[in-house]
Amino acid sequence: MAAEWISRLKGHADLIQKLVQEVPKALARPSLTLEQAERLHAVIEKGAHDFDELLQIMDQTDVDEQYRQAAENLARIWQRLSNEAEVKVRSMIVSDQTSEHEDEASQRQ
């Protein structure tokens, strides 16, 4: 059982290492569409959910403090990435709504 959660923890660590480089770049792309931002947010949420399941497994196991601290750090990073993606999605929705209202106003004139 320990080998499973250790392997999953390492997998998440490797994935997070890539995501902390790629997610900010993706969110900053001027050509990013709302649909792409929503998909990215959903993928991050799925990873965070999977990581929460791993944390539950670790909570039921006698885990060395070193692993527990690593898991807490990864959980914070998952949360930060999720928050960044959510903020981007919300800002794009607001921007789209503002553009729609401006278009409607200009058509009335």
PDB file of N, CA and C in Angstrom:
ATOM      1  N   MET A   1       0.826  -1.199   0.000  1.00  0.00           N
ATOM      2  CA  MET A   1       0.000   0.000   0.000  1.00  0.00           C
ATOM      3  C   MET A   1       0.867   1.259   0.000  1.00  0.00           C
ATOM      4  N   ALA A   2       1.950   1.233   0.793  1.00  0.00           N
ATOM      5  CA  ALA A   2       2.817   2.411   0.863  1.00  0.00           C
ATOM      6  C   ALA A   2       3.432   2.723  -0.490  1.00  0.00           C
ATOM      7  N   ALA A   3       3.804   1.686  -1.208  1.00  0.00           N
ATOM      8  CA  ALA A   3       4.425   1.906  -2.518  1.00  0.00           C
ATOM      9  C   ALA A   3       3.471   2.624  -3.460  1.00  0.00           C
ATOM     10  N   GLU A   4       2.166   2.322  -3.336  1.00  0.00           N
ATOM     11  CA  GLU A   4       1.180   2.971  -4.207  1.00  0.00           C
ATOM     12  C   GLU A   4       1.119   4.476  -3.943  1.00  0.00           C
ATOM     13  N   TRP A   5       0.981   4.874  -2.680  1.00  0.00           N
ATOM     14  CA  TRP A   5       0.846   6.308  -2.427  1.00  0.00           C
ATOM     15  C   TRP A   5       2.159   7.044  -2.656  1.00  0.00           C
ATOM     16  N   ILE A   6       3.281   6.379  -2.408  1.00  0.00           N
ATOM     17  CA  ILE A   6       4.572   7.017  -2.682  1.00  0.00           C
ATOM     18  C   ILE A   6       4.723   7.247  -4.186  1.00  0.00           C
ATOM     19  N   SER A   7       4.345   6.253  -4.957  1.00  0.00           N
ATOM     20  CA  SER A   7       4.402   6.380  -6.415  1.00  0.00           C
ATOM     21  C   SER A   7       3.475   7.494  -6.908  1.00  0.00           C
ATOM     22  N   ARG A   8       2.266   7.555  -6.352  1.00  0.00           N
ATOM     23  CA  ARG A   8       1.319   8.610  -6.752  1.00  0.00           C
ATOM     24  C   ARG A   8       1.828   9.991  -6.333  1.00  0.00           C
ATOM     25  N   LEU A   9       2.424  10.071  -5.148  1.00  0.00           N
ATOM     26  CA  LEU A   9       2.972  11.348  -4.683  1.00  0.00           C
ATOM     27  C   LEU A   9       4.076  11.820  -5.623  1.00  0.00           C
ATOM     28  N   LYS A  10       4.938  10.911  -6.013  1.00  0.00           N
ATOM     29  CA  LYS A  10       6.007  11.263  -6.955  1.00  0.00           C
ATOM     30  C   LYS A  10       5.419  11.691  -8.295  1.00  0.00           C
ATOM     31  N   GLY A  11       4.401  10.985  -8.758  1.00  0.00           N
ATOM     32  CA  GLY A  11       3.748  11.357 -10.013  1.00  0.00           C
ATOM     33  C   GLY A  11       3.170  12.760  -9.959  1.00  0.00           C
ATOM     34  N   HIS A  12       2.531  13.089  -8.843  1.00  0.00           N
ATOM     35  CA  HIS A  12       1.986  14.440  -8.691  1.00  0.00           C
ATOM     36  C   HIS A  12       3.104  15.473  -8.627  1.00  0.00           C
ATOM     37  N   ALA A  13       4.188  15.142  -7.943  1.00  0.00           N
ATOM     38  CA  ALA A  13       5.319  16.074  -7.858  1.00  0.00           C
ATOM     39  C   ALA A  13       5.884  16.356  -9.246  1.00  0.00           C
ATOM     40  N   ASP A  14       6.027  15.315 -10.049  1.00  0.00           N
ATOM     41  CA  ASP A  14       6.535  15.491 -11.418  1.00  0.00           C
ATOM     42  C   ASP A  14       5.570  16.328 -12.257  1.00  0.00           C
ATOM     43  N   LEU A  15       4.277  16.033 -12.137  1.00  0.00           N
ATOM     44  CA  LEU A  15       3.268  16.772 -12.892  1.00  0.00           C
ATOM     45  C   LEU A  15       3.232  18.240 -12.475  1.00  0.00           C
ATOM     46  N   ILE A  16       3.255  18.479 -11.181  1.00  0.00           N
ATOM     47  CA  ILE A  16       3.230  19.857 -10.672  1.00  0.00           C
ATOM     48  C   ILE A  16       4.433  20.634 -11.176  1.00  0.00           C
ATOM     49  N   GLN A  17       5.575  19.984 -11.212  1.00  0.00           N
ATOM     50  CA  GLN A  17       6.790  20.646 -11.688  1.00  0.00           C
ATOM     51  C   GLN A  17       6.584  21.175 -13.109  1.00  0.00           C
ATOM     52  N   LYS A  18       5.909  20.396 -13.944  1.00  0.00           N
ATOM     53  CA  LYS A  18       5.619  20.840 -15.316  1.00  0.00           C
ATOM     54  C   LYS A  18       4.536  21.913 -15.333  1.00  0.00           C
ATOM     55  N   LEU A  19       3.499  21.703 -14.524  1.00  0.00           N
ATOM     56  CA  LEU A  19       2.363  22.630 -14.543  1.00  0.00           C
ATOM     57  C   LEU A  19       2.728  24.031 -14.061  1.00  0.00           C
ATOM     58  N   VAL A  20       3.606  24.130 -13.073  1.00  0.00           N
ATOM     59  CA  VAL A  20       3.963  25.467 -12.589  1.00  0.00           C
ATOM     60  C   VAL A  20       4.696  26.265 -13.663  1.00  0.00           C
ATOM     61  N   GLN A  21       5.278  25.574 -14.628  1.00  0.00           N
ATOM     62  CA  GLN A  21       5.915  26.257 -15.753  1.00  0.00           C
ATOM     63  C   GLN A  21       4.907  26.577 -16.851  1.00  0.00           C
ATOM     64  N   GLU A  22       4.029  25.624 -17.150  1.00  0.00           N
ATOM     65  CA  GLU A  22       3.162  25.730 -18.323  1.00  0.00           C
ATOM     66  C   GLU A  22       1.856  26.485 -18.083  1.00  0.00           C
ATOM     67  N   VAL A  23       1.247  26.323 -16.919  1.00  0.00           N
ATOM     68  CA  VAL A  23      -0.061  26.950 -16.682  1.00  0.00           C
ATOM     69  C   VAL A  23       0.009  28.472 -16.770  1.00  0.00           C
ATOM     70  N   PRO A  24       0.950  29.129 -16.097  1.00  0.00           N
ATOM     71  CA  PRO A  24       1.004  30.593 -16.230  1.00  0.00           C
ATOM     72  C   PRO A  24       1.207  31.054 -17.676  1.00  0.00           C
ATOM     73  N   LYS A  25       2.028  30.321 -18.422  1.00  0.00           N
ATOM     74  CA  LYS A  25       2.234  30.669 -19.835  1.00  0.00           C
ATOM     75  C   LYS A  25       0.930  30.532 -20.611  1.00  0.00           C
ATOM     76  N   ALA A  26       0.228  29.434 -20.384  1.00  0.00           N
ATOM     77  CA  ALA A  26      -1.034  29.200 -21.096  1.00  0.00           C
ATOM     78  C   ALA A  26      -2.060  30.269 -20.744  1.00  0.00           C
ATOM     79  N   LEU A  27      -2.161  30.615 -19.473  1.00  0.00           N
ATOM     80  CA  LEU A  27      -3.148  31.606 -19.047  1.00  0.00           C
ATOM     81  C   LEU A  27      -2.816  33.004 -19.558  1.00  0.00           C
ATOM     82  N   ALA A  28      -1.557  33.260 -19.843  1.00  0.00           N
ATOM     83  CA  ALA A  28      -1.132  34.583 -20.320  1.00  0.00           C
ATOM     84  C   ALA A  28      -1.228  34.734 -21.836  1.00  0.00           C
ATOM     85  N   ARG A  29      -1.477  33.642 -22.546  1.00  0.00           N
ATOM     86  CA  ARG A  29      -1.541  33.714 -24.011  1.00  0.00           C
ATOM     87  C   ARG A  29      -2.678  34.629 -24.455  1.00  0.00           C
ATOM     88  N   PRO A  30      -2.387  35.616 -25.287  1.00  0.00           N
ATOM     89  CA  PRO A  30      -3.443  36.513 -25.766  1.00  0.00           C
ATOM     90  C   PRO A  30      -4.513  35.785 -26.583  1.00  0.00           C
ATOM     91  N   SER A  31      -4.136  34.695 -27.219  1.00  0.00           N
ATOM     92  CA  SER A  31      -5.088  33.967 -28.067  1.00  0.00           C
ATOM     93  C   SER A  31      -5.917  32.936 -27.289  1.00  0.00           C
ATOM     94  N   LEU A  32      -5.734  32.853 -25.983  1.00  0.00           N
ATOM     95  CA  LEU A  32      -6.470  31.891 -25.167  1.00  0.00           C
ATOM     96  C   LEU A  32      -7.963  32.193 -25.225  1.00  0.00           C
ATOM     97  N   THR A  33      -8.748  31.176 -25.541  1.00  0.00           N
ATOM     98  CA  THR A  33     -10.199  31.358 -25.576  1.00  0.00           C
ATOM     99  C   THR A  33     -10.795  30.992 -24.223  1.00  0.00           C
ATOM    100  N   LEU A  34     -12.021  31.430 -24.006  1.00  0.00           N
ATOM    101  CA  LEU A  34     -12.717  31.086 -22.770  1.00  0.00           C
ATOM    102  C   LEU A  34     -12.852  29.570 -22.646  1.00  0.00           C
ATOM    103  N   GLU A  35     -13.181  28.909 -23.731  1.00  0.00           N
ATOM    104  CA  GLU A  35     -13.329  27.450 -23.711  1.00  0.00           C
ATOM    105  C   GLU A  35     -12.017  26.774 -23.305  1.00  0.00           C
ATOM    106  N   GLN A  36     -10.902  27.244 -23.827  1.00  0.00           N
ATOM    107  CA  GLN A  36      -9.603  26.664 -23.470  1.00  0.00           C
ATOM    108  C   GLN A  36      -9.289  26.909 -21.996  1.00  0.00           C
ATOM    109  N   ALA A  37      -9.580  28.105 -21.519  1.00  0.00           N
ATOM    110  CA  ALA A  37      -9.333  28.424 -20.111  1.00  0.00           C
ATOM    111  C   ALA A  37     -10.198  27.554 -19.206  1.00  0.00           C
ATOM    112  N   GLU A  38     -11.448  27.341 -19.599  1.00  0.00           N
ATOM    113  CA  GLU A  38     -12.336  26.489 -18.807  1.00  0.00           C
ATOM    114  C   GLU A  38     -11.846  25.044 -18.796  1.00  0.00           C
ATOM    115  N   ARG A  39     -11.376  24.565 -19.937  1.00  0.00           N
ATOM    116  CA  ARG A  39     -10.838  23.196 -20.003  1.00  0.00           C
ATOM    117  C   ARG A  39      -9.594  23.056 -19.126  1.00  0.00           C
ATOM    118  N   LEU A  40      -8.712  24.045 -19.190  1.00  0.00           N
ATOM    119  CA  LEU A  40      -7.501  24.015 -18.373  1.00  0.00           C
ATOM    120  C   LEU A  40      -7.870  23.995 -16.892  1.00  0.00           C
ATOM    121  N   HIS A  41      -8.829  24.833 -16.515  1.00  0.00           N
ATOM    122  CA  HIS A  41      -9.275  24.859 -15.121  1.00  0.00           C
ATOM    123  C   HIS A  41      -9.845  23.500 -14.716  1.00  0.00           C
ATOM    124  N   ALA A  42     -10.628  22.878 -15.594  1.00  0.00           N
ATOM    125  CA  ALA A  42     -11.211  21.566 -15.295  1.00  0.00           C
ATOM    126  C   ALA A  42     -10.126  20.502 -15.125  1.00  0.00           C
ATOM    127  N   VAL A  43      -9.102  20.550 -15.955  1.00  0.00           N
ATOM    128  CA  VAL A  43      -8.000  19.585 -15.847  1.00  0.00           C
ATOM    129  C   VAL A  43      -7.268  19.772 -14.518  1.00  0.00           C
ATOM    130  N   ILE A  44      -7.032  21.017 -14.153  1.00  0.00           N
ATOM    131  CA  ILE A  44      -6.359  21.297 -12.878  1.00  0.00           C
ATOM    132  C   ILE A  44      -7.226  20.822 -11.716  1.00  0.00           C
ATOM    133  N   GLU A  45      -8.525  21.087 -11.786  1.00  0.00           N
ATOM    134  CA  GLU A  45      -9.433  20.641 -10.730  1.00  0.00           C
ATOM    135  C   GLU A  45      -9.433  19.118 -10.608  1.00  0.00           C
ATOM    136  N   LYS A  46      -9.385  18.426 -11.734  1.00  0.00           N
ATOM    137  CA  LYS A  46      -9.339  16.961 -11.715  1.00  0.00           C
ATOM    138  C   LYS A  46      -8.054  16.488 -11.034  1.00  0.00           C
ATOM    139  N   GLY A  47      -6.935  17.121 -11.354  1.00  0.00           N
ATOM    140  CA  GLY A  47      -5.672  16.769 -10.704  1.00  0.00           C
ATOM    141  C   GLY A  47      -5.709  17.039  -9.213  1.00  0.00           C
ATOM    142  N   ALA A  48      -6.295  18.172  -8.834  1.00  0.00           N
ATOM    143  CA  ALA A  48      -6.403  18.519  -7.414  1.00  0.00           C
ATOM    144  C   ALA A  48      -7.302  17.521  -6.689  1.00  0.00           C
ATOM    145  N   HIS A  49      -8.389  17.107  -7.333  1.00  0.00           N
ATOM    146  CA  HIS A  49      -9.293  16.122  -6.735  1.00  0.00           C
ATOM    147  C   HIS A  49      -8.571  14.786  -6.541  1.00  0.00           C
ATOM    148  N   ASP A  50      -7.829  14.369  -7.549  1.00  0.00           N
ATOM    149  CA  ASP A  50      -7.053  13.137  -7.447  1.00  0.00           C
ATOM    150  C   ASP A  50      -6.045  13.247  -6.305  1.00  0.00           C
ATOM    151  N   PHE A  51      -5.443  14.423  -6.167  1.00  0.00           N
ATOM    152  CA  PHE A  51      -4.471  14.618  -5.097  1.00  0.00           C
ATOM    153  C   PHE A  51      -5.160  14.573  -3.735  1.00  0.00           C
ATOM    154  N   ASP A  52      -6.379  15.114  -3.636  1.00  0.00           N
ATOM    155  CA  ASP A  52      -7.132  15.030  -2.381  1.00  0.00           C
ATOM    156  C   ASP A  52      -7.373  13.575  -1.985  1.00  0.00           C
ATOM    157  N   GLU A  53      -7.673  12.731  -2.975  1.00  0.00           N
ATOM    158  CA  GLU A  53      -7.843  11.299  -2.697  1.00  0.00           C
ATOM    159  C   GLU A  53      -6.547  10.699  -2.155  1.00  0.00           C
ATOM    160  N   LEU A  54      -5.433  11.109  -2.728  1.00  0.00           N
ATOM    161  CA  LEU A  54      -4.133  10.637  -2.250  1.00  0.00           C
ATOM    162  C   LEU A  54      -3.898  11.089  -0.808  1.00  0.00           C
ATOM    163  N   LEU A  55      -4.262  12.325  -0.492  1.00  0.00           N
ATOM    164  CA  LEU A  55      -4.106  12.819   0.879  1.00  0.00           C
ATOM    165  C   LEU A  55      -4.934  11.992   1.858  1.00  0.00           C
ATOM    166  N   GLN A  56      -6.124  11.591   1.446  1.00  0.00           N
ATOM    167  CA  GLN A  56      -6.965  10.752   2.308  1.00  0.00           C
ATOM    168  C   GLN A  56      -6.297   9.403   2.566  1.00  0.00           C
ATOM    169  N   ILE A  57      -5.706   8.836   1.534  1.00  0.00           N
ATOM    170  CA  ILE A  57      -4.982   7.568   1.704  1.00  0.00           C
ATOM    171  C   ILE A  57      -3.818   7.764   2.674  1.00  0.00           C
ATOM    172  N   MET A  58      -3.103   8.860   2.501  1.00  0.00           N
ATOM    173  CA  MET A  58      -1.960   9.138   3.374  1.00  0.00           C
ATOM    174  C   MET A  58      -2.409   9.346   4.814  1.00  0.00           C
ATOM    175  N   ASP A  59      -3.591   9.965   5.005  1.00  0.00           N
ATOM    176  CA  ASP A  59      -4.103  10.193   6.356  1.00  0.00           C
ATOM    177  C   ASP A  59      -4.421   8.882   7.071  1.00  0.00           C
ATOM    178  N   GLN A  60      -4.707   7.843   6.312  1.00  0.00           N
ATOM    179  CA  GLN A  60      -5.048   6.541   6.891  1.00  0.00           C
ATOM    180  C   GLN A  60      -3.812   5.664   7.086  1.00  0.00           C
ATOM    181  N   THR A  61      -2.663   6.207   6.766  1.00  0.00           N
ATOM    182  CA  THR A  61      -1.419   5.443   6.804  1.00  0.00           C
ATOM    183  C   THR A  61      -0.419   6.167   7.703  1.00  0.00           C
ATOM    184  N   ASP A  62       0.468   5.413   8.299  1.00  0.00           N
ATOM    185  CA  ASP A  62       1.544   6.016   9.081  1.00  0.00           C
ATOM    186  C   ASP A  62       2.574   6.573   8.099  1.00  0.00           C
ATOM    187  N   VAL A  63       2.546   7.890   7.920  1.00  0.00           N
ATOM    188  CA  VAL A  63       3.373   8.545   6.908  1.00  0.00           C
ATOM    189  C   VAL A  63       4.468   9.354   7.591  1.00  0.00           C
ATOM    190  N   ASP A  64       5.668   9.214   7.106  1.00  0.00           N
ATOM    191  CA  ASP A  64       6.799   9.988   7.597  1.00  0.00           C
ATOM    192  C   ASP A  64       6.526  11.479   7.398  1.00  0.00           C
ATOM    193  N   GLU A  65       6.967  12.281   8.341  1.00  0.00           N
ATOM    194  CA  GLU A  65       6.723  13.730   8.298  1.00  0.00           C
ATOM    195  C   GLU A  65       7.261  14.370   7.018  1.00  0.00           C
ATOM    196  N   GLN A  66       8.344  13.873   6.509  1.00  0.00           N
ATOM    197  CA  GLN A  66       8.927  14.395   5.265  1.00  0.00           C
ATOM    198  C   GLN A  66       7.930  14.263   4.107  1.00  0.00           C
ATOM    199  N   TYR A  67       7.274  13.108   4.013  1.00  0.00           N
ATOM    200  CA  TYR A  67       6.276  12.904   2.957  1.00  0.00           C
ATOM    201  C   TYR A  67       5.052  13.790   3.187  1.00  0.00           C
ATOM    202  N   ARG A  68       4.662  13.910   4.446  1.00  0.00           N
ATOM    203  CA  ARG A  68       3.495  14.732   4.768  1.00  0.00           C
ATOM    204  C   ARG A  68       3.752  16.198   4.390  1.00  0.00           C
ATOM    205  N   GLN A  69       4.926  16.705   4.685  1.00  0.00           N
ATOM    206  CA  GLN A  69       5.261  18.088   4.322  1.00  0.00           C
ATOM    207  C   GLN A  69       5.299  18.264   2.811  1.00  0.00           C
ATOM    208  N   ALA A  70       5.854  17.294   2.117  1.00  0.00           N
ATOM    209  CA  ALA A  70       5.877  17.355   0.651  1.00  0.00           C
ATOM    210  C   ALA A  70       4.454  17.387   0.109  1.00  0.00           C
ATOM    211  N   ALA A  71       3.586  16.562   0.675  1.00  0.00           N
ATOM    212  CA  ALA A  71       2.189  16.520   0.230  1.00  0.00           C
ATOM    213  C   ALA A  71       1.488  17.847   0.504  1.00  0.00           C
ATOM    214  N   GLU A  72       1.743  18.443   1.652  1.00  0.00           N
ATOM    215  CA  GLU A  72       1.129  19.738   1.973  1.00  0.00           C
ATOM    216  C   GLU A  72       1.594  20.813   0.993  1.00  0.00           C
ATOM    217  N   ASN A  73       2.867  20.795   0.648  1.00  0.00           N
ATOM    218  CA  ASN A  73       3.383  21.757  -0.335  1.00  0.00           C
ATOM    219  C   ASN A  73       2.720  21.560  -1.694  1.00  0.00           C
ATOM    220  N   LEU A  74       2.582  20.307  -2.120  1.00  0.00           N
ATOM    221  CA  LEU A  74       1.938  20.031  -3.403  1.00  0.00           C
ATOM    222  C   LEU A  74       0.469  20.449  -3.377  1.00  0.00           C
ATOM    223  N   ALA A  75      -0.202  20.215  -2.261  1.00  0.00           N
ATOM    224  CA  ALA A  75      -1.613  20.618  -2.144  1.00  0.00           C
ATOM    225  C   ALA A  75      -1.748  22.128  -2.299  1.00  0.00           C
ATOM    226  N   ARG A  76      -0.828  22.877  -1.699  1.00  0.00           N
ATOM    227  CA  ARG A  76      -0.865  24.346  -1.836  1.00  0.00           C
ATOM    228  C   ARG A  76      -0.652  24.762  -3.289  1.00  0.00           C
ATOM    229  N   ILE A  77       0.233  24.077  -3.984  1.00  0.00           N
ATOM    230  CA  ILE A  77       0.488  24.413  -5.390  1.00  0.00           C
ATOM    231  C   ILE A  77      -0.726  24.081  -6.244  1.00  0.00           C
ATOM    232  N   TRP A  78      -1.349  22.909  -6.016  1.00  0.00           N
ATOM    233  CA  TRP A  78      -2.578  22.580  -6.757  1.00  0.00           C
ATOM    234  C   TRP A  78      -3.621  23.678  -6.550  1.00  0.00           C
ATOM    235  N   GLN A  79      -3.769  24.120  -5.299  1.00  0.00           N
ATOM    236  CA  GLN A  79      -4.761  25.151  -4.989  1.00  0.00           C
ATOM    237  C   GLN A  79      -4.424  26.462  -5.692  1.00  0.00           C
ATOM    238  N   ARG A  80      -3.160  26.826  -5.696  1.00  0.00           N
ATOM    239  CA  ARG A  80      -2.746  28.071  -6.356  1.00  0.00           C
ATOM    240  C   ARG A  80      -3.025  28.009  -7.855  1.00  0.00           C
ATOM    241  N   LEU A  81      -2.682  26.891  -8.480  1.00  0.00           N
ATOM    242  CA  LEU A  81      -2.932  26.747  -9.918  1.00  0.00           C
ATOM    243  C   LEU A  81      -4.425  26.807 -10.221  1.00  0.00           C
ATOM    244  N   SER A  82      -5.211  26.158  -9.389  1.00  0.00           N
ATOM    245  CA  SER A  82      -6.659  26.182  -9.572  1.00  0.00           C
ATOM    246  C   SER A  82      -7.195  27.605  -9.437  1.00  0.00           C
ATOM    247  N   ASN A  83      -6.720  28.315  -8.431  1.00  0.00           N
ATOM    248  CA  ASN A  83      -7.158  29.703  -8.230  1.00  0.00           C
ATOM    249  C   ASN A  83      -6.777  30.583  -9.414  1.00  0.00           C
ATOM    250  N   GLU A  84      -5.565  30.427  -9.916  1.00  0.00           N
ATOM    251  CA  GLU A  84      -5.118  31.231 -11.055  1.00  0.00           C
ATOM    252  C   GLU A  84      -5.990  30.971 -12.280  1.00  0.00           C
ATOM    253  N   ALA A  85      -6.294  29.708 -12.529  1.00  0.00           N
ATOM    254  CA  ALA A  85      -7.131  29.367 -13.685  1.00  0.00           C
ATOM    255  C   ALA A  85      -8.551  29.881 -13.492  1.00  0.00           C
ATOM    256  N   GLU A  86      -9.067  29.776 -12.275  1.00  0.00           N
ATOM    257  CA  GLU A  86     -10.428  30.257 -12.002  1.00  0.00           C
ATOM    258  C   GLU A  86     -10.516  31.771 -12.178  1.00  0.00           C
ATOM    259  N   VAL A  87      -9.526  32.485 -11.701  1.00  0.00           N
ATOM    260  CA  VAL A  87      -9.501  33.943 -11.865  1.00  0.00           C
ATOM    261  C   VAL A  87      -9.490  34.307 -13.345  1.00  0.00           C
ATOM    262  N   LYS A  88      -8.710  33.589 -14.129  1.00  0.00           N
ATOM    263  CA  LYS A  88      -8.643  33.857 -15.571  1.00  0.00           C
ATOM    264  C   LYS A  88      -9.994  33.612 -16.224  1.00  0.00           C
ATOM    265  N   VAL A  89     -10.631  32.492 -15.891  1.00  0.00           N
ATOM    266  CA  VAL A  89     -11.944  32.186 -16.463  1.00  0.00           C
ATOM    267  C   VAL A  89     -12.941  33.279 -16.096  1.00  0.00           C
ATOM    268  N   ARG A  90     -12.982  33.656 -14.837  1.00  0.00           N
ATOM    269  CA  ARG A  90     -13.928  34.697 -14.402  1.00  0.00           C
ATOM    270  C   ARG A  90     -13.660  36.023 -15.104  1.00  0.00           C
ATOM    271  N   SER A  91     -12.392  36.375 -15.243  1.00  0.00           N
ATOM    272  CA  SER A  91     -12.079  37.650 -15.901  1.00  0.00           C
ATOM    273  C   SER A  91     -12.469  37.609 -17.369  1.00  0.00           C
ATOM    274  N   MET A  92     -12.327  36.452 -17.997  1.00  0.00           N
ATOM    275  CA  MET A  92     -12.717  36.330 -19.404  1.00  0.00           C
ATOM    276  C   MET A  92     -14.236  36.400 -19.554  1.00  0.00           C
ATOM    277  N   ILE A  93     -14.965  35.826 -18.609  1.00  0.00           N
ATOM    278  CA  ILE A  93     -16.428  35.901 -18.648  1.00  0.00           C
ATOM    279  C   ILE A  93     -16.872  37.345 -18.493  1.00  0.00           C
ATOM    280  N   VAL A  94     -16.293  38.049 -17.536  1.00  0.00           N
ATOM    281  CA  VAL A  94     -16.636  39.464 -17.327  1.00  0.00           C
ATOM    282  C   VAL A  94     -16.290  40.273 -18.566  1.00  0.00           C
ATOM    283  N   SER A  95     -15.136  40.006 -19.144  1.00  0.00           N
ATOM    284  CA  SER A  95     -14.713  40.720 -20.349  1.00  0.00           C
ATOM    285  C   SER A  95     -15.678  40.457 -21.500  1.00  0.00           C
ATOM    286  N   ASP A  96     -16.098  39.196 -21.664  1.00  0.00           N
ATOM    287  CA  ASP A  96     -17.064  38.857 -22.715  1.00  0.00           C
ATOM    288  C   ASP A  96     -18.391  39.569 -22.486  1.00  0.00           C
ATOM    289  N   GLN A  97     -18.841  39.608 -21.234  1.00  0.00           N
ATOM    290  CA  GLN A  97     -20.109  40.271 -20.927  1.00  0.00           C
ATOM    291  C   GLN A  97     -20.007  41.768 -21.179  1.00  0.00           C
ATOM    292  N   THR A  98     -18.875  42.358 -20.828  1.00  0.00           N
ATOM    293  CA  THR A  98     -18.667  43.786 -21.063  1.00  0.00           C
ATOM    294  C   THR A  98     -18.676  44.077 -22.555  1.00  0.00           C
ATOM    295  N   SER A  99     -18.013  43.238 -23.326  1.00  0.00           N
ATOM    296  CA  SER A  99     -17.986  43.416 -24.783  1.00  0.00           C
ATOM    297  C   SER A  99     -19.380  43.300 -25.373  1.00  0.00           C
ATOM    298  N   GLU A 100     -20.175  42.351 -24.879  1.00  0.00           N
ATOM    299  CA  GLU A 100     -21.538  42.185 -25.376  1.00  0.00           C
ATOM    300  C   GLU A 100     -22.373  43.428 -25.090  1.00  0.00           C
ATOM    301  N   HIS A 101     -22.239  43.971 -23.877  1.00  0.00           N
ATOM    302  CA  HIS A 101     -22.999  45.171 -23.520  1.00  0.00           C
ATOM    303  C   HIS A 101     -22.566  46.368 -24.362  1.00  0.00           C
ATOM    304  N   GLU A 102     -21.268  46.475 -24.612  1.00  0.00           N
ATOM    305  CA  GLU A 102     -20.779  47.573 -25.452  1.00  0.00           C
ATOM    306  C   GLU A 102     -21.293  47.429 -26.877  1.00  0.00           C
ATOM    307  N   ASP A 103     -21.324  46.201 -27.385  1.00  0.00           N
ATOM    308  CA  ASP A 103     -21.850  45.959 -28.731  1.00  0.00           C
ATOM    309  C   ASP A 103     -23.324  46.325 -28.809  1.00  0.00           C
ATOM    310  N   GLU A 104     -24.093  45.943 -27.790  1.00  0.00           N
ATOM    311  CA  GLU A 104     -25.519  46.263 -27.771  1.00  0.00           C
ATOM    312  C   GLU A 104     -25.731  47.772 -27.723  1.00  0.00           C
ATOM    313  N   ALA A 105     -24.934  48.452 -26.917  1.00  0.00           N
ATOM    314  CA  ALA A 105     -25.069  49.904 -26.790  1.00  0.00           C
ATOM    315  C   ALA A 105     -24.718  50.600 -28.097  1.00  0.00           C
ATOM    316  N   SER A 106     -23.687  50.144 -28.773  1.00  0.00           N
ATOM    317  CA  SER A 106     -23.294  50.789 -30.034  1.00  0.00           C
ATOM    318  C   SER A 106     -24.313  50.506 -31.133  1.00  0.00           C
ATOM    319  N   GLN A 107     -24.992  49.379 -31.075  1.00  0.00           N
ATOM    320  CA  GLN A 107     -26.010  49.064 -32.077  1.00  0.00           C
ATOM    321  C   GLN A 107     -27.255  49.921 -31.889  1.00  0.00           C
ATOM    322  N   ARG A 108     -27.537  50.331 -30.665  1.00  0.00           N
ATOM    323  CA  ARG A 108     -28.709  51.165 -30.395  1.00  0.00           C
ATOM    324  C   ARG A 108     -28.501  52.599 -30.863  1.00  0.00           C
ATOM    325  N   GLN A 109     -27.259  53.004 -30.979  1.00  0.00           N
ATOM    326  CA  GLN A 109     -26.988  54.405 -31.338  1.00  0.00           C
ATOM    327  C   GLN A 109     -27.143  54.663 -32.778  1.00  0.00           C
TER     328      GLN A 109
END
